[in-house]
């Protein structure tokens, strides 16, 4: 009973904070009286508090520009985790633009929605992403192209890095025009106890899983520790081809994830 009361109260506060945050974000955008980047970060931190998620940060966002952050992807809460500590925009799948609440918030904060199955719009969307990055805005790319179960980093899709490469006459890859920073999100402890393989899957949001049951589970589950690790940024002249860059980024994120688990377990 107590757990359900907590869920209901949290949802009420979530709805109120989201509506107020959206309003203040619009005020910031149109008047400049509030720093526009401030509101998304505060909103993300509030959601994490409602979910009883504590973020432990190792490293920091790179200062080099242009910059693309590439991360593994476990759950919708990854957005809250990264957005709570960095002023970033996200690349999300196209259908999320039409979600109630989350879609509206995404549009307000400049999320780039990508229809990955649409070859017709591929060039247009790549140009949009490139324009964001070249303008100095930091984008986050979940380079697996889907969510994993929290136990393994899935292969990074090299095609998702295409927007960083300018077309050449012979079609060959040149160096990308932006720095790329690997980042890892790992859900590692519940109530201070390290999560095992089975327990980590509870925090994953996979495939077409409904949002509200997952949110309810998180609200009833209690305290969770999340490790957010920023790796060393890869310089454009060191990146190589798209496939090489994807492979290097994937290896770096996998190493950061393993380090987070070892740290959580004290090994």
Protein backbone atom coordinates (compact mmCIF):
# COMPACT_ATOMS: atom_id res chain seq x y z
CA UNK A 1 0.00 0.00 0.00
CA UNK A 2 2.78 2.43 0.95
CA UNK A 3 4.54 1.72 -2.34
CA UNK A 4 1.43 2.61 -4.34
CA UNK A 5 0.94 5.82 -2.35
CA UNK A 6 4.51 6.76 -3.20
CA UNK A 7 3.87 6.02 -6.88
CA UNK A 8 0.74 8.19 -6.99
CA UNK A 9 2.39 11.10 -5.18
CA UNK A 10 5.46 10.86 -7.41
CA UNK A 11 3.32 10.90 -10.56
CA UNK A 12 1.43 13.96 -9.36
CA UNK A 13 4.68 15.77 -8.62
CA UNK A 14 6.11 14.58 -11.95
CA UNK A 15 3.11 16.04 -13.84
CA UNK A 16 3.29 19.34 -11.95
CA UNK A 17 7.05 19.71 -12.36
CA UNK A 18 6.88 18.83 -16.04
CA UNK A 19 4.18 21.39 -16.76
CA UNK A 20 6.00 24.09 -14.78
CA UNK A 21 9.34 23.17 -16.37
CA UNK A 22 7.90 23.36 -19.88
CA UNK A 23 6.42 26.78 -19.14
CA UNK A 24 9.67 28.13 -17.71
CA UNK A 25 11.59 26.68 -20.65
CA UNK A 26 9.35 28.59 -23.06
CA UNK A 27 9.88 31.77 -21.00
CA UNK A 28 13.64 31.23 -21.10
CA UNK A 29 13.63 30.68 -24.86
CA UNK A 30 11.51 33.73 -25.68
CA UNK A 31 12.76 36.25 -23.13
CA UNK A 32 16.28 35.25 -22.16
CA UNK A 33 15.47 36.05 -18.52
CA UNK A 34 16.47 32.50 -17.56
CA UNK A 35 19.37 30.56 -19.07
CA UNK A 36 17.69 28.15 -21.48
CA UNK A 37 20.05 25.30 -20.61
CA UNK A 38 19.18 25.54 -16.91
CA UNK A 39 15.61 24.21 -17.05
CA UNK A 40 16.26 20.81 -18.71
CA UNK A 41 19.06 20.05 -16.25
CA UNK A 42 16.89 20.93 -13.24
CA UNK A 43 14.00 18.88 -14.63
CA UNK A 44 16.22 15.84 -15.18
CA UNK A 45 17.55 16.12 -11.64
CA UNK A 46 14.03 16.28 -10.22
CA UNK A 47 12.95 13.18 -12.14
CA UNK A 48 16.00 11.29 -10.88
CA UNK A 49 15.15 12.30 -7.32
CA UNK A 50 11.58 11.06 -7.75
CA UNK A 51 12.99 7.77 -9.03
CA UNK A 52 15.46 7.62 -6.10
CA UNK A 53 18.34 7.40 -8.57
CA UNK A 54 21.72 8.73 -7.44
CA UNK A 55 24.22 9.48 -10.20
CA UNK A 56 27.94 8.99 -9.56
CA UNK A 57 30.05 10.80 -12.16
CA UNK A 58 33.58 9.91 -13.24
CA UNK A 59 35.27 12.25 -15.68
CA UNK A 60 33.54 15.19 -17.34
CA UNK A 61 32.08 16.28 -20.66
CA UNK A 62 34.84 17.22 -23.09
CA UNK A 63 35.40 20.93 -23.69
CA UNK A 64 36.42 20.50 -27.34
CA UNK A 65 33.98 21.60 -30.02
CA UNK A 66 32.37 20.43 -32.24
CA UNK A 67 31.53 17.42 -30.06
CA UNK A 68 29.35 14.33 -30.34
CA UNK A 69 28.83 12.16 -27.24
CA UNK A 70 28.26 8.45 -27.95
CA UNK A 71 26.77 6.25 -25.25
CA UNK A 72 25.37 2.81 -24.59
CA UNK A 73 21.61 2.69 -24.07
CA UNK A 74 19.81 0.78 -21.31
CA UNK A 75 16.63 2.73 -20.57
CA UNK A 76 14.69 5.94 -21.13
CA UNK A 77 16.20 7.06 -17.83
CA UNK A 78 19.62 7.30 -19.54
CA UNK A 79 18.43 10.65 -20.89
CA UNK A 80 17.78 11.87 -17.34
CA UNK A 81 21.15 10.59 -16.12
CA UNK A 82 23.22 12.29 -18.83
CA UNK A 83 21.02 15.38 -19.00
CA UNK A 84 21.33 15.96 -15.25
CA UNK A 85 25.05 16.70 -15.50
CA UNK A 86 25.60 18.03 -19.04
CA UNK A 87 24.00 20.62 -21.29
CA UNK A 88 23.26 18.38 -24.24
CA UNK A 89 20.64 17.56 -26.86
CA UNK A 90 19.64 14.02 -27.80
CA UNK A 91 19.14 12.05 -30.99
CA UNK A 92 15.99 9.95 -30.64
CA UNK A 93 13.94 7.67 -32.85
CA UNK A 94 11.24 9.41 -34.83
CA UNK A 95 8.14 7.91 -33.20
CA UNK A 96 9.10 9.38 -29.82
CA UNK A 97 8.23 12.85 -31.14
CA UNK A 98 4.55 11.85 -30.90
CA UNK A 99 4.67 10.41 -27.37
CA UNK A 100 2.51 12.20 -24.79
CA UNK A 101 4.59 14.33 -22.40
CA UNK A 102 8.02 12.91 -23.36
CA UNK A 103 7.60 13.90 -27.00
CA UNK A 104 6.60 17.44 -26.06
CA UNK A 105 9.55 17.75 -23.71
CA UNK A 106 11.88 16.41 -26.39
CA UNK A 107 10.69 18.96 -28.92
CA UNK A 108 11.03 21.80 -26.42
CA UNK A 109 14.62 20.97 -25.62
CA UNK A 110 15.73 20.55 -29.23
CA UNK A 111 15.85 16.76 -29.57
CA UNK A 112 16.70 15.58 -33.09
CA UNK A 113 14.14 12.92 -34.04
CA UNK A 114 15.43 10.46 -36.63
CA UNK A 115 13.41 8.03 -38.73
CA UNK A 116 16.08 5.37 -39.04
CA UNK A 117 14.09 3.19 -41.42
CA UNK A 118 13.50 6.02 -43.89
CA UNK A 119 16.19 5.93 -46.58
CA UNK A 120 14.46 8.80 -48.36
CA UNK A 121 15.11 11.13 -45.43
CA UNK A 122 18.53 9.76 -44.46
CA UNK A 123 20.56 12.52 -46.13
CA UNK A 124 18.27 15.24 -44.78
CA UNK A 125 18.47 13.90 -41.23
CA UNK A 126 22.24 13.48 -41.41
CA UNK A 127 22.52 17.11 -42.50
CA UNK A 128 20.32 18.20 -39.57
CA UNK A 129 22.54 16.35 -37.09
CA UNK A 130 25.69 17.78 -38.68
CA UNK A 131 24.22 21.27 -38.49
CA UNK A 132 23.55 20.92 -34.76
CA UNK A 133 27.07 19.70 -34.04
CA UNK A 134 28.78 22.27 -36.24
CA UNK A 135 26.79 25.01 -34.52
CA UNK A 136 28.49 24.05 -31.24
CA UNK A 137 25.56 22.16 -29.71
CA UNK A 138 26.54 18.88 -28.06
CA UNK A 139 24.45 15.93 -29.24
CA UNK A 140 24.18 12.53 -27.56
CA UNK A 141 24.01 9.51 -29.85
CA UNK A 142 22.95 6.13 -28.46
CA UNK A 143 25.14 4.30 -30.91
CA UNK A 144 23.74 0.79 -30.42
CA UNK A 145 20.59 1.96 -32.21
CA UNK A 146 18.41 0.28 -29.57
CA UNK A 147 18.34 -0.48 -25.85
CA UNK A 148 20.23 -3.41 -24.34
CA UNK A 149 19.51 -5.48 -21.24
CA UNK A 150 22.05 -3.70 -19.06
CA UNK A 151 24.50 -6.61 -19.08
CA UNK A 152 26.30 -6.13 -22.39
CA UNK A 153 27.17 -3.26 -24.70
CA UNK A 154 25.71 -4.08 -28.11
CA UNK A 155 27.66 -3.48 -31.35
CA UNK A 156 27.73 0.17 -32.39
CA UNK A 157 26.19 0.87 -35.80
CA UNK A 158 28.72 2.64 -38.01
CA UNK A 159 25.92 4.09 -40.15
CA UNK A 160 24.86 6.26 -37.19
CA UNK A 161 28.21 8.08 -37.44
CA UNK A 162 27.59 9.07 -41.06
CA UNK A 163 26.60 12.65 -40.25
CA UNK A 164 30.14 13.36 -39.01
CA UNK A 165 31.68 12.60 -42.39
CA UNK A 166 31.48 14.97 -45.31
CA UNK A 167 30.85 13.38 -48.69
CA UNK A 168 33.88 12.85 -50.91
CA UNK A 169 34.00 12.54 -54.66
CA UNK A 170 35.00 8.85 -54.60
CA UNK A 171 32.67 8.00 -51.72
CA UNK A 172 35.51 7.14 -49.32
CA UNK A 173 35.45 8.14 -45.66
CA UNK A 174 37.55 11.09 -44.62
CA UNK A 175 38.22 12.18 -41.07
CA UNK A 176 35.09 13.36 -39.21
CA UNK A 177 34.79 17.07 -38.51
CA UNK A 178 33.95 16.66 -34.79
CA UNK A 179 35.41 15.20 -31.64
CA UNK A 180 33.68 12.06 -30.32
CA UNK A 181 33.47 11.31 -26.60
CA UNK A 182 32.55 7.80 -25.38
CA UNK A 183 30.24 7.73 -22.34
CA UNK A 184 28.92 4.82 -20.28
CA UNK A 185 25.69 4.58 -18.26
CA UNK A 186 25.56 1.64 -15.84
CA UNK A 187 22.93 0.80 -13.23
CA UNK A 188 25.06 -0.84 -10.56
CA UNK A 189 23.47 -0.96 -7.08
CA UNK A 190 20.06 -1.13 -5.43
CA UNK A 191 19.85 -0.03 -1.79
CA UNK A 192 23.64 -0.20 -1.72
CA UNK A 193 23.84 -3.83 -2.88
CA UNK A 194 25.57 -4.56 -6.23
CA UNK A 195 23.17 -5.76 -8.94
CA UNK A 196 23.73 -9.16 -10.52
CA UNK A 197 22.98 -10.02 -14.17
CA UNK A 198 19.32 -10.82 -13.54
CA UNK A 199 18.69 -7.73 -11.43
CA UNK A 200 20.29 -5.39 -13.98
CA UNK A 201 17.67 -6.37 -16.55
CA UNK A 202 14.93 -4.95 -14.28
CA UNK A 203 16.22 -1.45 -14.99
CA UNK A 204 16.47 -1.98 -18.74
CA UNK A 205 13.69 -0.75 -20.98
CA UNK A 206 13.74 -2.99 -24.02
CA UNK A 207 11.87 -2.97 -27.30
CA UNK A 208 8.17 -2.15 -27.16
CA UNK A 209 7.88 -2.43 -23.39
CA UNK A 210 5.17 -0.08 -22.08
CA UNK A 211 6.46 3.02 -20.31
CA UNK A 212 4.07 3.27 -17.36
CA UNK A 213 4.59 -0.26 -15.93
CA UNK A 214 8.35 0.31 -16.13
CA UNK A 215 8.02 3.70 -14.45
CA UNK A 216 5.83 2.21 -11.72
CA UNK A 217 8.40 -0.53 -11.08
CA UNK A 218 11.16 2.06 -10.72
CA UNK A 219 9.11 4.19 -8.33
CA UNK A 220 8.31 1.20 -6.12
CA UNK A 221 11.81 -0.24 -6.31
CA UNK A 222 13.61 2.39 -4.25
CA UNK A 223 17.19 3.65 -4.23
CA UNK A 224 19.37 2.96 -7.27
CA UNK A 225 22.98 3.97 -7.90
CA UNK A 226 23.95 4.84 -11.47
CA UNK A 227 27.53 5.16 -12.68
CA UNK A 228 28.06 7.76 -15.42
CA UNK A 229 31.57 7.65 -16.87
CA UNK A 230 33.01 10.04 -19.43
CA UNK A 231 35.89 8.69 -21.49
CA UNK A 232 38.64 10.50 -23.36
CA UNK A 233 37.42 12.31 -26.47
CA UNK A 234 38.62 10.94 -29.80
CA UNK A 235 40.18 13.65 -31.97
CA UNK A 236 38.88 14.01 -35.56
CA UNK A 237 42.30 13.34 -37.09
CA UNK A 238 42.64 10.14 -35.04
CA UNK A 239 39.20 8.70 -35.75
CA UNK A 240 39.67 7.09 -39.18
CA UNK A 241 36.72 5.64 -41.10
CA UNK A 242 33.18 5.33 -39.79
CA UNK A 243 33.69 1.64 -39.02
CA UNK A 244 36.94 2.36 -37.19
CA UNK A 245 35.35 5.18 -35.20
CA UNK A 246 32.35 3.02 -34.28
CA UNK A 247 34.61 0.16 -33.18
CA UNK A 248 36.86 2.44 -31.10
CA UNK A 249 33.88 4.10 -29.44
CA UNK A 250 32.24 0.75 -28.71
CA UNK A 251 35.42 -0.65 -27.13
CA UNK A 252 35.82 2.46 -24.99
CA UNK A 253 32.20 2.40 -23.76
CA UNK A 254 32.46 -1.32 -22.98
CA UNK A 255 35.63 -0.73 -20.93
CA UNK A 256 33.97 2.14 -19.04
CA UNK A 257 30.93 -0.06 -18.28
CA UNK A 258 33.10 -2.87 -16.96
CA UNK A 259 35.01 -0.39 -14.78
CA UNK A 260 31.71 0.85 -13.32
CA UNK A 261 30.66 -2.68 -12.34
CA UNK A 262 34.03 -3.46 -10.78
CA UNK A 263 33.87 -0.21 -8.82
CA UNK A 264 30.36 -0.98 -7.58
CA UNK A 265 31.32 -4.46 -6.40
CA UNK A 266 34.59 -3.30 -4.83
CA UNK A 267 36.67 -5.64 -7.02
